[in-house]
Amino acid sequence: YEEDHKAEVDFNVVMTDTNEFVEIQGTAEGKPFSKETADALLSLARQGIDKLFRIQKETLRALS
């Protein structure tokens, strides 16, 4: 909540492990946001999702 209530944009992204989008949802909080902001958020989301997939795959390999 601490980070979320100060955000200017609420942006949710769901992707597959082959970098395909399942869901993109963005909402301005107070004022509109630019395409550049949306592009930056998508890039950050992809980086975070890639990291999560790597961690999941490493963990599953370790458990096998």
C-alpha atoms as a PDB file:
ATOM      1  CA  TYR A   1       0.000   0.000   0.000  1.00  0.00           C
ATOM      2  CA  GLU A   2       2.804   2.444   0.860  1.00  0.00           C
ATOM      3  CA  GLU A   3       4.165   2.451  -2.699  1.00  0.00           C
ATOM      4  CA  ASP A   4       0.829   1.984  -4.438  1.00  0.00           C
ATOM      5  CA  HIS A   5      -1.038   4.948  -2.990  1.00  0.00           C
ATOM      6  CA  LYS A   6       1.707   7.351  -4.152  1.00  0.00           C
ATOM      7  CA  ALA A   7       1.861   5.965  -7.701  1.00  0.00           C
ATOM      8  CA  GLU A   8       0.958   8.151 -10.665  1.00  0.00           C
ATOM      9  CA  VAL A   9       0.124   5.080 -12.767  1.00  0.00           C
ATOM     10  CA  ASP A  10      -1.339   1.714 -11.792  1.00  0.00           C
ATOM     11  CA  PHE A  11       0.102  -0.746 -14.328  1.00  0.00           C
ATOM     12  CA  ASN A  12      -0.334  -4.532 -14.381  1.00  0.00           C
ATOM     13  CA  VAL A  13       1.408  -6.854 -16.823  1.00  0.00           C
ATOM     14  CA  VAL A  14       1.149 -10.632 -17.254  1.00  0.00           C
ATOM     15  CA  MET A  15       3.455 -12.435 -19.694  1.00  0.00           C
ATOM     16  CA  THR A  16       4.331 -15.958 -20.739  1.00  0.00           C
ATOM     17  CA  ASP A  17       7.850 -17.360 -20.510  1.00  0.00           C
ATOM     18  CA  THR A  18       8.115 -16.820 -24.283  1.00  0.00           C
ATOM     19  CA  ASN A  19       7.685 -13.043 -23.852  1.00  0.00           C
ATOM     20  CA  GLU A  20       4.100 -12.914 -25.076  1.00  0.00           C
ATOM     21  CA  PHE A  21       1.597 -10.679 -23.322  1.00  0.00           C
ATOM     22  CA  VAL A  22      -1.397 -12.206 -21.584  1.00  0.00           C
ATOM     23  CA  GLU A  23      -2.604  -8.980 -19.987  1.00  0.00           C
ATOM     24  CA  ILE A  24      -1.672  -5.301 -19.986  1.00  0.00           C
ATOM     25  CA  GLN A  25      -3.725  -2.974 -17.815  1.00  0.00           C
ATOM     26  CA  GLY A  26      -2.785   0.620 -17.050  1.00  0.00           C
ATOM     27  CA  THR A  27      -4.706   3.353 -15.286  1.00  0.00           C
ATOM     28  CA  ALA A  28      -3.696   6.953 -14.696  1.00  0.00           C
ATOM     29  CA  GLU A  29      -3.935   8.053 -11.077  1.00  0.00           C
ATOM     30  CA  GLY A  30      -4.730  11.758 -11.137  1.00  0.00           C
ATOM     31  CA  LYS A  31      -3.370  12.827 -14.528  1.00  0.00           C
ATOM     32  CA  PRO A  32      -2.818  11.141 -17.903  1.00  0.00           C
ATOM     33  CA  PHE A  33       0.501   9.440 -18.669  1.00  0.00           C
ATOM     34  CA  SER A  34       2.531   9.429 -21.886  1.00  0.00           C
ATOM     35  CA  LYS A  35       3.358   6.661 -24.337  1.00  0.00           C
ATOM     36  CA  GLU A  36       6.971   6.996 -23.185  1.00  0.00           C
ATOM     37  CA  THR A  37       5.881   6.227 -19.625  1.00  0.00           C
ATOM     38  CA  ALA A  38       3.876   3.207 -20.820  1.00  0.00           C
ATOM     39  CA  ASP A  39       6.870   1.965 -22.838  1.00  0.00           C
ATOM     40  CA  ALA A  40       9.173   2.387 -19.823  1.00  0.00           C
ATOM     41  CA  LEU A  41       6.729   0.526 -17.575  1.00  0.00           C
ATOM     42  CA  LEU A  42       6.432  -2.335 -20.080  1.00  0.00           C
ATOM     43  CA  SER A  43      10.222  -2.565 -20.234  1.00  0.00           C
ATOM     44  CA  LEU A  44      10.509  -2.669 -16.438  1.00  0.00           C
ATOM     45  CA  ALA A  45       7.726  -5.249 -16.235  1.00  0.00           C
ATOM     46  CA  ARG A  46       9.460  -7.454 -18.787  1.00  0.00           C
ATOM     47  CA  GLN A  47      12.750  -7.256 -16.868  1.00  0.00           C
ATOM     48  CA  GLY A  48      11.029  -8.212 -13.617  1.00  0.00           C
ATOM     49  CA  ILE A  49       9.022 -11.012 -15.194  1.00  0.00           C
ATOM     50  CA  ASP A  50      12.153 -12.398 -16.902  1.00  0.00           C
ATOM     51  CA  LYS A  51      13.904 -12.435 -13.520  1.00  0.00           C
ATOM     52  CA  LEU A  52      10.963 -14.229 -11.887  1.00  0.00           C
ATOM     53  CA  PHE A  53      10.911 -16.881 -14.631  1.00  0.00           C
ATOM     54  CA  ARG A  54      14.676 -17.457 -14.187  1.00  0.00           C
ATOM     55  CA  ILE A  55      14.264 -17.867 -10.423  1.00  0.00           C
ATOM     56  CA  GLN A  56      11.321 -20.238 -10.880  1.00  0.00           C
ATOM     57  CA  LYS A  57      13.188 -22.374 -13.414  1.00  0.00           C
ATOM     58  CA  GLU A  58      16.314 -22.529 -11.221  1.00  0.00           C
ATOM     59  CA  THR A  59      14.219 -23.514  -8.207  1.00  0.00           C
ATOM     60  CA  LEU A  60      12.356 -26.215 -10.113  1.00  0.00           C
ATOM     61  CA  ARG A  61      15.657 -27.616 -11.446  1.00  0.00           C
ATOM     62  CA  ALA A  62      17.055 -27.717  -7.914  1.00  0.00           C
ATOM     63  CA  LEU A  63      13.989 -29.608  -6.693  1.00  0.00           C
ATOM     64  CA  SER A  64      14.186 -32.213  -9.475  1.00  0.00           C
END
